[in-house]
Amino acid sequence: MPAIVGAFKVNNVGTSSIVHVGDVINISPFSEVKTFAGAGSFNTGDGLQIYNQNSVTNTYDSDFIDQPQIGNL
C-alpha cells in the first residue's frame, strides 16, 4: 500500500546514509568500516574504574576484502 507523506525536511545526508520515503523492496547502503579497539575502549557509564594491564590490540587482518561492494547496487 502506498504511503501518503506530507512535507518533510532533510537537513543532512551522510555518505552512507539512506533517505527512505514510501514503499521499498531493498535498501542497501554503500559503506564499509573496520574498527579496532583495545580493552576498555567502548565502556560507557558513570564512575568507571578500568584496570587493563599490558593490553595489546591485534590489528593484523589476513584477508584483504571483508565485505565486497561489487554487485550491491
C-alpha atoms as a PDB file:
ATOM      1  CA  MET A   1       0.000   0.000   0.000  1.00  0.00           C
ATOM      2  CA  PRO A   2       1.493   3.365  -0.992  1.00  0.00           C
ATOM      3  CA  ALA A   3       2.450   5.755   1.768  1.00  0.00           C
ATOM      4  CA  ILE A   4       0.980   9.231   1.978  1.00  0.00           C
ATOM      5  CA  VAL A   5       3.662  11.599   3.209  1.00  0.00           C
ATOM      6  CA  GLY A   6       3.323  15.278   3.990  1.00  0.00           C
ATOM      7  CA  ALA A   7       6.089  17.839   3.800  1.00  0.00           C
ATOM      8  CA  PHE A   8       9.405  16.900   5.359  1.00  0.00           C
ATOM      9  CA  LYS A   9      12.838  18.484   5.504  1.00  0.00           C
ATOM     10  CA  VAL A  10      16.176  16.706   5.146  1.00  0.00           C
ATOM     11  CA  ASN A  11      18.970  18.746   6.729  1.00  0.00           C
ATOM     12  CA  ASN A  12      21.891  16.451   6.042  1.00  0.00           C
ATOM     13  CA  VAL A  13      22.525  13.094   4.385  1.00  0.00           C
ATOM     14  CA  GLY A  14      25.888  11.485   5.054  1.00  0.00           C
ATOM     15  CA  THR A  15      27.889   9.399   2.600  1.00  0.00           C
ATOM     16  CA  SER A  16      26.475   6.090   3.847  1.00  0.00           C
ATOM     17  CA  SER A  17      23.003   7.318   4.806  1.00  0.00           C
ATOM     18  CA  ILE A  18      19.655   6.405   3.304  1.00  0.00           C
ATOM     19  CA  VAL A  19      16.570   8.582   2.949  1.00  0.00           C
ATOM     20  CA  HIS A  20      13.511   6.354   2.581  1.00  0.00           C
ATOM     21  CA  VAL A  21      10.053   7.683   1.764  1.00  0.00           C
ATOM     22  CA  GLY A  22       7.296   5.338   0.656  1.00  0.00           C
ATOM     23  CA  ASP A  23       7.441   1.711  -0.421  1.00  0.00           C
ATOM     24  CA  VAL A  24      10.718  -0.109  -0.875  1.00  0.00           C
ATOM     25  CA  ILE A  25      11.884  -3.608  -1.788  1.00  0.00           C
ATOM     26  CA  ASN A  26      15.556  -3.446  -0.883  1.00  0.00           C
ATOM     27  CA  ILE A  27      17.714  -0.849   0.883  1.00  0.00           C
ATOM     28  CA  SER A  28      21.460  -1.309   0.550  1.00  0.00           C
ATOM     29  CA  PRO A  29      23.870   1.364   1.812  1.00  0.00           C
ATOM     30  CA  PHE A  30      27.320   1.625   0.262  1.00  0.00           C
ATOM     31  CA  SER A  31      29.870   1.835   3.044  1.00  0.00           C
ATOM     32  CA  GLU A  32      32.256  -0.329   4.966  1.00  0.00           C
ATOM     33  CA  VAL A  33      34.326   0.239   8.063  1.00  0.00           C
ATOM     34  CA  LYS A  34      36.746  -1.782  10.134  1.00  0.00           C
ATOM     35  CA  THR A  35      37.130  -0.804  13.773  1.00  0.00           C
ATOM     36  CA  PHE A  36      39.957  -1.838  16.044  1.00  0.00           C
ATOM     37  CA  ALA A  37      39.759  -1.026  19.734  1.00  0.00           C
ATOM     38  CA  GLY A  38      41.684  -2.131  22.772  1.00  0.00           C
ATOM     39  CA  ALA A  39      40.392  -3.382  26.080  1.00  0.00           C
ATOM     40  CA  GLY A  40      38.016  -0.944  27.747  1.00  0.00           C
ATOM     41  CA  SER A  41      37.578   1.235  24.650  1.00  0.00           C
ATOM     42  CA  PHE A  42      33.795   1.140  24.341  1.00  0.00           C
ATOM     43  CA  ASN A  43      32.885   1.241  28.028  1.00  0.00           C
ATOM     44  CA  THR A  44      30.251   3.824  28.949  1.00  0.00           C
ATOM     45  CA  GLY A  45      28.749   4.876  32.228  1.00  0.00           C
ATOM     46  CA  ASP A  46      29.378   6.908  35.353  1.00  0.00           C
ATOM     47  CA  GLY A  47      32.266   6.228  37.706  1.00  0.00           C
ATOM     48  CA  LEU A  48      34.085   3.600  35.671  1.00  0.00           C
ATOM     49  CA  GLN A  49      37.285   2.174  37.059  1.00  0.00           C
ATOM     50  CA  ILE A  50      39.072   0.133  34.422  1.00  0.00           C
ATOM     51  CA  TYR A  51      42.392  -1.576  35.024  1.00  0.00           C
ATOM     52  CA  ASN A  52      43.998  -3.035  31.906  1.00  0.00           C
ATOM     53  CA  GLN A  53      47.447  -4.458  32.424  1.00  0.00           C
ATOM     54  CA  ASN A  54      49.572  -4.584  29.239  1.00  0.00           C
ATOM     55  CA  SER A  55      46.660  -4.542  26.795  1.00  0.00           C
ATOM     56  CA  VAL A  56      47.544  -5.109  23.131  1.00  0.00           C
ATOM     57  CA  THR A  57      45.115  -4.881  20.198  1.00  0.00           C
ATOM     58  CA  ASN A  58      45.994  -7.094  17.231  1.00  0.00           C
ATOM     59  CA  THR A  59      45.200  -5.174  14.027  1.00  0.00           C
ATOM     60  CA  TYR A  60      46.603  -7.765  11.627  1.00  0.00           C
ATOM     61  CA  ASP A  61      43.972  -8.845   9.102  1.00  0.00           C
ATOM     62  CA  SER A  62      44.957 -11.755   6.879  1.00  0.00           C
ATOM     63  CA  ASP A  63      42.102 -11.368   4.381  1.00  0.00           C
ATOM     64  CA  PHE A  64      42.172  -8.355   2.088  1.00  0.00           C
ATOM     65  CA  ILE A  65      38.411  -7.930   1.488  1.00  0.00           C
ATOM     66  CA  ASP A  66      35.903  -8.447   4.304  1.00  0.00           C
ATOM     67  CA  GLN A  67      32.666  -7.231   2.645  1.00  0.00           C
ATOM     68  CA  PRO A  68      32.815  -6.774  -1.130  1.00  0.00           C
ATOM     69  CA  GLN A  69      30.844  -3.822  -2.507  1.00  0.00           C
ATOM     70  CA  ILE A  70      30.637  -5.174  -6.083  1.00  0.00           C
ATOM     71  CA  GLY A  71      27.083  -6.171  -7.008  1.00  0.00           C
ATOM     72  CA  ASN A  72      25.442  -4.298  -4.108  1.00  0.00           C
ATOM     73  CA  LEU A  73      23.806  -1.737  -6.361  1.00  0.00           C
END
